[in-house]
Structure formats: structure tokens, C-alpha cells
Amino acid sequence: MLVSNSGIARATGGADVAVTAAWVGKGTPRAAVGQTITYTITLTNLGPDASSGTYLVATNPDAFNLVSMTCSVPAFCSSPGEALASGASVTATIVDVVCCFPAGATRINSAGASVVTADDPNLDNNVALVRTKIVGPHGFFFP
């Protein structure tokens, strides 16, 4: 549907899908080389319409290797995705392993997920990341 506001036509409706990410663990998200880390991802359709071709993609920095991504509805873990009704949610669990120390000065990496969908007019809430500190070999945090 098109709505006119001061002579300017703009589209309304569509599906606004949003992604949130949370670290599964206690305290500050952190891990050492060789440790696994787990994130929970929630994908929600804020509406007003159903989405189409919607699926999650794990987002991993170079220092993390994806071990697994499991969705409560498997069709949302791979292309071509699925339709997500307005107001509906899907959860996913992402497990990564810290493979190495990242290059450069920073030892804080962000991992999580992004959503791909065919008809989302609001892309501002389509990526969710958790900042995770990489712990040094003797238990020290790198800056």
C-alpha cells in the first residue's frame, strides 16, 4: 500500500524482522583459545505482515569457528528460508570455538547472527552481535 504525505508517496506495511543475541554464560562474555562459546539468537517478526524467504546467518569473526547453528524451526537456519508470521519468533543456538588470537591490537570480537529476508523495510535491527573478550594463555585479558 502507498500512503501520500505532503505529496510524497511511501510504502507502508511489510514485515519488520528483528534479531537479538545473548551470550550463554555467567559474567562478561569471554573465552580462551580452544574453548567453545554459545549464543542464543531470537528472530521476531514485528509485523505488520508475514515475512517471506527469511533465514538466519551466523556472523563469526576470524578468531571464531562455527561449530553449529540449530534453529527451533530448522527451515530458518538455511536458504531459501521460510515465511514468519507477524508476531511469531524463532530461536537459534550458535556454538563457536575460539580458534586463535585475532590479529591486531584488539582482543574483543563480536559474534552473533544476521537475518536475510525478502521484504523488510527496516534493516536497522537485522544484525545482533555479542562482544566477546579473548583471554590470554595465562588468564589475562588482552586490551
C-alpha atoms as a PDB file:
ATOM      1  CA  MET A   1       0.000   0.000   0.000  1.00  0.00           C
ATOM      2  CA  LEU A   2       1.218   3.516  -0.785  1.00  0.00           C
ATOM      3  CA  VAL A   3       0.483   6.443   1.518  1.00  0.00           C
ATOM      4  CA  SER A   4       0.910  10.040   0.469  1.00  0.00           C
ATOM      5  CA  ASN A   5       2.342  12.544   2.924  1.00  0.00           C
ATOM      6  CA  SER A   6       2.713  16.061   1.555  1.00  0.00           C
ATOM      7  CA  GLY A   7       2.709  14.747  -1.976  1.00  0.00           C
ATOM      8  CA  ILE A   8       5.438  12.140  -1.336  1.00  0.00           C
ATOM      9  CA  ALA A   9       4.397   8.513  -1.817  1.00  0.00           C
ATOM     10  CA  ARG A  10       5.905   5.978   0.574  1.00  0.00           C
ATOM     11  CA  ALA A  11       5.349   2.274   1.104  1.00  0.00           C
ATOM     12  CA  THR A  12       3.709   1.002   4.285  1.00  0.00           C
ATOM     13  CA  GLY A  13       3.301  -2.495   5.635  1.00  0.00           C
ATOM     14  CA  GLY A  14       5.784  -5.249   5.107  1.00  0.00           C
ATOM     15  CA  ALA A  15       7.470  -7.395   7.702  1.00  0.00           C
ATOM     16  CA  ASP A  16       9.894  -5.874  10.181  1.00  0.00           C
ATOM     17  CA  VAL A  17      12.051  -8.798  11.317  1.00  0.00           C
ATOM     18  CA  ALA A  18      14.367  -8.168  14.252  1.00  0.00           C
ATOM     19  CA  VAL A  19      17.288 -10.179  15.664  1.00  0.00           C
ATOM     20  CA  THR A  20      18.640 -10.200  19.212  1.00  0.00           C
ATOM     21  CA  ALA A  21      21.662 -12.114  20.530  1.00  0.00           C
ATOM     22  CA  ALA A  22      22.717 -13.105  24.042  1.00  0.00           C
ATOM     23  CA  TRP A  23      25.761 -14.899  25.405  1.00  0.00           C
ATOM     24  CA  VAL A  24      25.046 -18.105  27.332  1.00  0.00           C
ATOM     25  CA  GLY A  25      27.294 -17.947  30.351  1.00  0.00           C
ATOM     26  CA  LYS A  26      27.991 -16.077  33.547  1.00  0.00           C
ATOM     27  CA  GLY A  27      29.568 -12.650  33.760  1.00  0.00           C
ATOM     28  CA  THR A  28      31.343 -10.905  30.922  1.00  0.00           C
ATOM     29  CA  PRO A  29      31.408 -12.833  27.625  1.00  0.00           C
ATOM     30  CA  ARG A  30      34.943 -14.241  27.410  1.00  0.00           C
ATOM     31  CA  ALA A  31      36.786 -17.320  26.222  1.00  0.00           C
ATOM     32  CA  ALA A  32      40.295 -18.666  25.659  1.00  0.00           C
ATOM     33  CA  VAL A  33      41.666 -20.368  22.569  1.00  0.00           C
ATOM     34  CA  GLY A  34      40.132 -23.829  22.285  1.00  0.00           C
ATOM     35  CA  GLN A  35      37.037 -23.018  24.347  1.00  0.00           C
ATOM     36  CA  THR A  36      33.530 -23.166  22.964  1.00  0.00           C
ATOM     37  CA  ILE A  37      31.105 -20.302  23.394  1.00  0.00           C
ATOM     38  CA  THR A  38      27.350 -20.368  22.965  1.00  0.00           C
ATOM     39  CA  TYR A  39      24.928 -17.635  21.908  1.00  0.00           C
ATOM     40  CA  THR A  40      21.149 -17.642  21.779  1.00  0.00           C
ATOM     41  CA  ILE A  41      19.557 -15.806  18.914  1.00  0.00           C
ATOM     42  CA  THR A  42      15.930 -14.699  18.746  1.00  0.00           C
ATOM     43  CA  LEU A  43      14.332 -13.773  15.437  1.00  0.00           C
ATOM     44  CA  THR A  44      10.990 -11.971  15.760  1.00  0.00           C
ATOM     45  CA  ASN A  45       8.633 -10.602  13.134  1.00  0.00           C
ATOM     46  CA  LEU A  46       7.400  -7.266  14.480  1.00  0.00           C
ATOM     47  CA  GLY A  47       4.845  -7.120  11.656  1.00  0.00           C
ATOM     48  CA  PRO A  48       2.543  -5.952  10.410  1.00  0.00           C
ATOM     49  CA  ASP A  49       2.783  -8.556   7.631  1.00  0.00           C
ATOM     50  CA  ALA A  50       4.312 -12.036   7.378  1.00  0.00           C
ATOM     51  CA  SER A  51       7.877 -12.183   6.094  1.00  0.00           C
ATOM     52  CA  SER A  52       8.982 -14.383   3.226  1.00  0.00           C
ATOM     53  CA  GLY A  53      12.237 -16.182   2.467  1.00  0.00           C
ATOM     54  CA  THR A  54      13.507 -15.481   5.993  1.00  0.00           C
ATOM     55  CA  TYR A  55      16.552 -17.212   7.471  1.00  0.00           C
ATOM     56  CA  LEU A  56      19.425 -16.592   9.899  1.00  0.00           C
ATOM     57  CA  VAL A  57      23.122 -16.451   9.030  1.00  0.00           C
ATOM     58  CA  ALA A  58      25.770 -16.911  11.737  1.00  0.00           C
ATOM     59  CA  THR A  59      28.192 -13.986  11.981  1.00  0.00           C
ATOM     60  CA  ASN A  60      31.657 -15.043  13.154  1.00  0.00           C
ATOM     61  CA  PRO A  61      34.880 -13.051  13.374  1.00  0.00           C
ATOM     62  CA  ASP A  62      38.126 -14.611  12.148  1.00  0.00           C
ATOM     63  CA  ALA A  63      39.055 -15.825  15.654  1.00  0.00           C
ATOM     64  CA  PHE A  64      35.886 -17.951  15.934  1.00  0.00           C
ATOM     65  CA  ASN A  65      34.937 -21.072  14.004  1.00  0.00           C
ATOM     66  CA  LEU A  66      31.297 -22.070  13.759  1.00  0.00           C
ATOM     67  CA  VAL A  67      30.617 -25.456  15.352  1.00  0.00           C
ATOM     68  CA  SER A  68      26.839 -25.484  14.915  1.00  0.00           C
ATOM     69  CA  MET A  69      23.714 -23.397  14.454  1.00  0.00           C
ATOM     70  CA  THR A  70      20.413 -25.015  15.425  1.00  0.00           C
ATOM     71  CA  CYS A  71      17.028 -23.364  14.953  1.00  0.00           C
ATOM     72  CA  SER A  72      13.796 -24.207  16.776  1.00  0.00           C
ATOM     73  CA  VAL A  73      12.288 -24.373  13.271  1.00  0.00           C
ATOM     74  CA  PRO A  74      15.030 -25.833  11.014  1.00  0.00           C
ATOM     75  CA  ALA A  75      13.847 -24.009   7.860  1.00  0.00           C
ATOM     76  CA  PHE A  76      15.035 -20.720   9.399  1.00  0.00           C
ATOM     77  CA  CYS A  77      18.657 -21.934   9.584  1.00  0.00           C
ATOM     78  CA  SER A  78      19.231 -22.098   5.821  1.00  0.00           C
ATOM     79  CA  SER A  79      18.273 -20.656   2.464  1.00  0.00           C
ATOM     80  CA  PRO A  80      15.650 -20.392   0.994  1.00  0.00           C
ATOM     81  CA  GLY A  81      14.156 -19.824   4.440  1.00  0.00           C
ATOM     82  CA  GLU A  82      10.526 -19.733   5.419  1.00  0.00           C
ATOM     83  CA  ALA A  83       7.663 -17.318   5.974  1.00  0.00           C
ATOM     84  CA  LEU A  84       7.458 -15.956   9.521  1.00  0.00           C
ATOM     85  CA  ALA A  85       4.018 -14.798  10.657  1.00  0.00           C
ATOM     86  CA  SER A  86       3.579 -11.363  12.216  1.00  0.00           C
ATOM     87  CA  GLY A  87       4.249 -11.631  15.954  1.00  0.00           C
ATOM     88  CA  ALA A  88       5.992 -15.011  15.649  1.00  0.00           C
ATOM     89  CA  SER A  89       9.506 -15.800  16.908  1.00  0.00           C
ATOM     90  CA  VAL A  90      12.164 -18.412  16.188  1.00  0.00           C
ATOM     91  CA  THR A  91      15.126 -19.156  18.436  1.00  0.00           C
ATOM     92  CA  ALA A  92      18.541 -20.411  17.436  1.00  0.00           C
ATOM     93  CA  THR A  93      21.590 -21.610  19.312  1.00  0.00           C
ATOM     94  CA  ILE A  94      25.008 -20.861  17.866  1.00  0.00           C
ATOM     95  CA  VAL A  95      28.103 -22.647  19.154  1.00  0.00           C
ATOM     96  CA  ASP A  96      31.534 -21.302  18.191  1.00  0.00           C
ATOM     97  CA  VAL A  97      35.046 -22.348  19.170  1.00  0.00           C
ATOM     98  CA  VAL A  98      37.826 -19.806  19.663  1.00  0.00           C
ATOM     99  CA  CYS A  99      40.426 -20.958  17.174  1.00  0.00           C
ATOM    100  CA  CYS A 100      43.173 -18.374  17.589  1.00  0.00           C
ATOM    101  CA  PHE A 101      44.144 -14.963  18.844  1.00  0.00           C
ATOM    102  CA  PRO A 102      42.927 -12.266  16.491  1.00  0.00           C
ATOM    103  CA  ALA A 103      45.445 -10.208  14.580  1.00  0.00           C
ATOM    104  CA  GLY A 104      45.948  -6.582  15.538  1.00  0.00           C
ATOM    105  CA  ALA A 105      45.653  -4.791  18.839  1.00  0.00           C
ATOM    106  CA  THR A 106      42.076  -5.667  19.729  1.00  0.00           C
ATOM    107  CA  ARG A 107      41.169  -8.875  21.521  1.00  0.00           C
ATOM    108  CA  ILE A 108      37.438  -8.195  21.597  1.00  0.00           C
ATOM    109  CA  ASN A 109      35.442  -9.884  18.879  1.00  0.00           C
ATOM    110  CA  SER A 110      31.757  -9.755  18.033  1.00  0.00           C
ATOM    111  CA  ALA A 111      29.778 -12.828  17.039  1.00  0.00           C
ATOM    112  CA  GLY A 112      26.065 -13.400  16.559  1.00  0.00           C
ATOM    113  CA  ALA A 113      23.692 -13.568  13.623  1.00  0.00           C
ATOM    114  CA  SER A 114      22.027 -11.582  10.896  1.00  0.00           C
ATOM    115  CA  VAL A 115      18.733 -12.196   9.156  1.00  0.00           C
ATOM    116  CA  VAL A 116      18.046 -12.404   5.434  1.00  0.00           C
ATOM    117  CA  THR A 117      14.501 -11.698   4.309  1.00  0.00           C
ATOM    118  CA  ALA A 118      12.870 -10.614   1.089  1.00  0.00           C
ATOM    119  CA  ASP A 119      10.625  -7.820   2.302  1.00  0.00           C
ATOM    120  CA  ASP A 120      11.938  -5.955   5.346  1.00  0.00           C
ATOM    121  CA  PRO A 121      11.752  -2.149   5.065  1.00  0.00           C
ATOM    122  CA  ASN A 122      13.735  -1.685   8.337  1.00  0.00           C
ATOM    123  CA  LEU A 123      17.268  -3.090   8.111  1.00  0.00           C
ATOM    124  CA  ASP A 124      18.452  -1.370  11.318  1.00  0.00           C
ATOM    125  CA  ASN A 125      17.512  -4.356  13.538  1.00  0.00           C
ATOM    126  CA  ASN A 126      18.623  -7.203  11.261  1.00  0.00           C
ATOM    127  CA  VAL A 127      22.017  -7.876  12.892  1.00  0.00           C
ATOM    128  CA  ALA A 128      22.724  -8.767  16.528  1.00  0.00           C
ATOM    129  CA  LEU A 129      26.211  -9.317  17.932  1.00  0.00           C
ATOM    130  CA  VAL A 130      27.750 -10.119  21.314  1.00  0.00           C
ATOM    131  CA  ARG A 131      31.171  -8.657  22.138  1.00  0.00           C
ATOM    132  CA  THR A 132      33.411 -11.409  23.491  1.00  0.00           C
ATOM    133  CA  LYS A 133      36.855 -10.933  25.065  1.00  0.00           C
ATOM    134  CA  ILE A 134      39.618 -13.357  24.108  1.00  0.00           C
ATOM    135  CA  VAL A 135      41.524 -14.485  27.212  1.00  0.00           C
ATOM    136  CA  GLY A 136      45.297 -14.843  27.065  1.00  0.00           C
ATOM    137  CA  PRO A 137      47.187 -18.082  27.722  1.00  0.00           C
ATOM    138  CA  HIS A 138      47.745 -17.216  31.390  1.00  0.00           C
ATOM    139  CA  GLY A 139      44.241 -15.961  32.094  1.00  0.00           C
ATOM    140  CA  PHE A 140      44.933 -12.295  31.333  1.00  0.00           C
ATOM    141  CA  PHE A 141      42.538 -10.280  29.215  1.00  0.00           C
ATOM    142  CA  PHE A 142      44.031  -8.655  26.212  1.00  0.00           C
ATOM    143  CA  PRO A 143      43.135  -4.954  25.903  1.00  0.00           C
END
